[in-house]
Amino acid sequence: QLHLVESGGGSVQPGGSLRLSCVASGFPSGYTLRYYAIGWFRQAPGKEREGLSCIGTFGGAAYVDSVKGRFTISRDISANTVYLQMDSLKPEDTGLYSCAYFRSTSSYCEMGDPFHSWGRGTQVTVSS
């Protein structure tokens, strides 16, 4: 089972940017991020966790409408890391951001896929 650790959160003003990192460890022998889909999720205060973006085994990305055009997901296979570049941040982007994974055989991913084993998260606060 993979272990995921998020970092990069902080406090920014509206319109600002942050880049979050999700570092994965605990791969079975011979496996890399190429064998897993990774998703980014957000839990705002008083709300349920929602999926934002995911990246599939061959790098195909998906986004929910609320972040499309503002957030970009990417990965560095050699660093076992998935990034979430967040631009044009809005106050409603405030929340605890976490990543999760599932073992995938598909090039693509959707936020409704069976992600599991979320990390502890990193807090993002967007406020003036």
Foldseek 3Di string as FASTA:
>chain_A
DKAWDKDWADEEAQQAKIKMKIAIDDDDPPDWCLQKKKWKWWDAPPGDIFTAKIAHNQGDMDGDPVQPPFWDWGDDRVRNMIMIIGGRDDQVRWGWMWMFMDGDPDRDDDRPPPTDDIHPTDTHGYHD
